[in-house]
């Protein structure tokens, strides 16, 4: 897997993912799963959507 997520993008994904997971838990909705996807891509530093469109926020 190619690492295509930079530090700023990664931090934003962790924060947004955590907020969405908490919102999903409090409202008891499936929306929290989207937050888990964001946290997973931040942890792996790889986003399949970025690969498809050729985007890379990782500074080399």
N, C-alpha and C. Protein backbone atom coordinates (compact mmCIF):
# COMPACT_ATOMS: atom_id res chain seq x y z
N UNK A 1 0.82 -1.18 0.00
CA UNK A 1 0.00 0.00 0.00
C UNK A 1 0.87 1.25 0.00
N UNK A 2 0.56 2.16 -0.87
CA UNK A 2 1.30 3.40 -0.96
C UNK A 2 0.79 4.38 0.09
N UNK A 3 1.69 4.98 0.82
CA UNK A 3 1.30 5.98 1.81
C UNK A 3 1.06 7.30 1.10
N UNK A 4 -0.19 7.76 1.11
CA UNK A 4 -0.53 8.98 0.39
C UNK A 4 -1.26 9.99 1.27
N UNK A 5 -1.16 9.85 2.60
CA UNK A 5 -1.80 10.78 3.53
C UNK A 5 -0.71 11.44 4.36
N UNK A 6 -0.67 12.78 4.31
CA UNK A 6 0.32 13.54 5.06
C UNK A 6 -0.10 13.74 6.51
N UNK A 7 0.76 14.42 7.26
CA UNK A 7 0.53 14.61 8.70
C UNK A 7 -0.72 15.44 8.99
N UNK A 8 -0.91 16.55 8.30
CA UNK A 8 -2.07 17.40 8.54
C UNK A 8 -3.35 16.66 8.19
N UNK A 9 -3.36 16.03 7.04
CA UNK A 9 -4.52 15.26 6.59
C UNK A 9 -4.82 14.14 7.59
N UNK A 10 -3.79 13.50 8.09
CA UNK A 10 -3.95 12.40 9.04
C UNK A 10 -4.60 12.88 10.34
N UNK A 11 -4.12 14.02 10.85
CA UNK A 11 -4.69 14.57 12.09
C UNK A 11 -6.14 14.97 11.92
N UNK A 12 -6.47 15.55 10.78
CA UNK A 12 -7.85 15.93 10.50
C UNK A 12 -8.74 14.70 10.44
N UNK A 13 -8.24 13.64 9.81
CA UNK A 13 -9.02 12.39 9.71
C UNK A 13 -9.25 11.75 11.08
N UNK A 14 -8.22 11.77 11.93
CA UNK A 14 -8.38 11.22 13.29
C UNK A 14 -9.44 12.01 14.06
N UNK A 15 -9.35 13.34 14.01
CA UNK A 15 -10.29 14.18 14.76
C UNK A 15 -11.72 14.04 14.22
N UNK A 16 -11.87 14.13 12.91
CA UNK A 16 -13.19 14.02 12.31
C UNK A 16 -13.77 12.62 12.52
N UNK A 17 -12.94 11.61 12.38
CA UNK A 17 -13.39 10.24 12.59
C UNK A 17 -13.86 10.01 14.01
N UNK A 18 -13.11 10.51 14.98
CA UNK A 18 -13.50 10.38 16.38
C UNK A 18 -14.81 11.08 16.67
N UNK A 19 -14.97 12.28 16.12
CA UNK A 19 -16.21 13.03 16.33
C UNK A 19 -17.40 12.30 15.71
N UNK A 20 -17.22 11.75 14.52
CA UNK A 20 -18.31 11.04 13.86
C UNK A 20 -18.66 9.75 14.59
N UNK A 21 -17.66 9.05 15.10
CA UNK A 21 -17.91 7.83 15.87
C UNK A 21 -18.71 8.17 17.14
N UNK A 22 -18.29 9.22 17.84
CA UNK A 22 -19.02 9.63 19.04
C UNK A 22 -20.45 10.04 18.72
N UNK A 23 -20.63 10.78 17.64
CA UNK A 23 -21.97 11.18 17.23
C UNK A 23 -22.82 9.95 16.93
N UNK A 24 -22.25 8.98 16.24
CA UNK A 24 -22.96 7.75 15.92
C UNK A 24 -23.34 6.97 17.16
N UNK A 25 -22.47 6.97 18.16
CA UNK A 25 -22.77 6.27 19.40
C UNK A 25 -23.89 6.96 20.17
N UNK A 26 -23.82 8.29 20.26
CA UNK A 26 -24.83 9.03 21.01
C UNK A 26 -26.21 8.97 20.35
N UNK A 27 -26.23 8.99 19.02
CA UNK A 27 -27.52 8.96 18.31
C UNK A 27 -27.94 7.54 17.96
N UNK A 28 -27.09 6.57 18.27
CA UNK A 28 -27.34 5.16 17.97
C UNK A 28 -27.67 4.95 16.49
N UNK A 29 -26.79 5.51 15.64
CA UNK A 29 -26.98 5.36 14.19
C UNK A 29 -25.75 4.67 13.59
N UNK A 30 -25.90 4.28 12.35
CA UNK A 30 -24.82 3.62 11.62
C UNK A 30 -23.80 4.61 11.09
N UNK A 31 -24.02 5.88 11.32
CA UNK A 31 -23.10 6.91 10.83
C UNK A 31 -21.70 6.74 11.43
N UNK A 32 -21.62 6.15 12.60
CA UNK A 32 -20.33 5.94 13.25
C UNK A 32 -19.38 5.08 12.44
N UNK A 33 -19.91 4.26 11.56
CA UNK A 33 -19.04 3.41 10.72
C UNK A 33 -18.19 4.26 9.77
N UNK A 34 -18.74 5.37 9.33
CA UNK A 34 -17.96 6.27 8.46
C UNK A 34 -16.76 6.80 9.24
N UNK A 35 -16.97 7.10 10.50
CA UNK A 35 -15.87 7.56 11.35
C UNK A 35 -14.78 6.51 11.49
N UNK A 36 -15.19 5.25 11.58
CA UNK A 36 -14.20 4.17 11.67
C UNK A 36 -13.38 4.06 10.39
N UNK A 37 -14.00 4.31 9.26
CA UNK A 37 -13.26 4.29 7.99
C UNK A 37 -12.22 5.41 7.98
N UNK A 38 -12.61 6.60 8.43
CA UNK A 38 -11.66 7.71 8.48
C UNK A 38 -10.50 7.41 9.42
N UNK A 39 -10.79 6.84 10.58
CA UNK A 39 -9.74 6.50 11.53
C UNK A 39 -8.84 5.41 10.94
N UNK A 40 -9.41 4.45 10.25
CA UNK A 40 -8.61 3.38 9.64
C UNK A 40 -7.67 3.90 8.57
N UNK A 41 -8.17 4.79 7.71
CA UNK A 41 -7.31 5.33 6.66
C UNK A 41 -6.22 6.22 7.26
N UNK A 42 -6.54 6.93 8.35
CA UNK A 42 -5.52 7.76 9.01
C UNK A 42 -4.45 6.87 9.62
N UNK A 43 -4.85 5.78 10.24
CA UNK A 43 -3.89 4.88 10.88
C UNK A 43 -2.97 4.23 9.83
N UNK A 44 -3.54 3.81 8.72
CA UNK A 44 -2.75 3.16 7.67
C UNK A 44 -1.99 4.15 6.79
N UNK A 45 -2.37 5.43 6.87
CA UNK A 45 -1.79 6.50 6.05
C UNK A 45 -1.97 6.24 4.56
N UNK A 46 -3.04 5.56 4.21
CA UNK A 46 -3.31 5.26 2.82
C UNK A 46 -4.81 5.38 2.57
N UNK A 47 -5.17 6.09 1.51
CA UNK A 47 -6.57 6.29 1.16
C UNK A 47 -6.80 5.75 -0.26
N UNK A 48 -7.66 4.74 -0.40
CA UNK A 48 -7.93 4.20 -1.74
C UNK A 48 -8.52 5.24 -2.70
N UNK A 49 -9.34 6.14 -2.19
CA UNK A 49 -9.92 7.17 -3.05
C UNK A 49 -8.83 8.10 -3.59
N UNK A 50 -7.86 8.44 -2.75
CA UNK A 50 -6.74 9.27 -3.20
C UNK A 50 -5.96 8.56 -4.30
N UNK A 51 -5.80 7.25 -4.18
CA UNK A 51 -5.08 6.48 -5.19
C UNK A 51 -5.81 6.54 -6.53
N UNK A 52 -7.13 6.42 -6.48
CA UNK A 52 -7.92 6.42 -7.72
C UNK A 52 -7.81 7.76 -8.46
N UNK A 53 -7.81 8.86 -7.72
CA UNK A 53 -7.76 10.17 -8.38
C UNK A 53 -6.35 10.73 -8.50
N UNK A 54 -5.36 9.98 -8.00
CA UNK A 54 -3.96 10.40 -8.14
C UNK A 54 -3.56 11.50 -7.18
N UNK A 55 -4.22 11.60 -6.05
CA UNK A 55 -3.91 12.65 -5.08
C UNK A 55 -2.92 12.12 -4.04
N UNK A 56 -2.04 12.99 -3.56
CA UNK A 56 -1.06 12.60 -2.56
C UNK A 56 -0.76 13.81 -1.68
N UNK A 57 -1.08 13.72 -0.38
CA UNK A 57 -0.81 14.82 0.54
C UNK A 57 0.42 14.55 1.40
N UNK A 58 1.08 13.44 1.16
CA UNK A 58 2.26 13.06 1.91
C UNK A 58 3.49 13.77 1.34
N UNK A 59 4.18 14.53 2.19
CA UNK A 59 5.39 15.22 1.74
C UNK A 59 6.54 14.24 1.70
N UNK A 60 7.26 14.25 0.63
CA UNK A 60 8.34 13.29 0.44
C UNK A 60 9.68 13.91 0.67
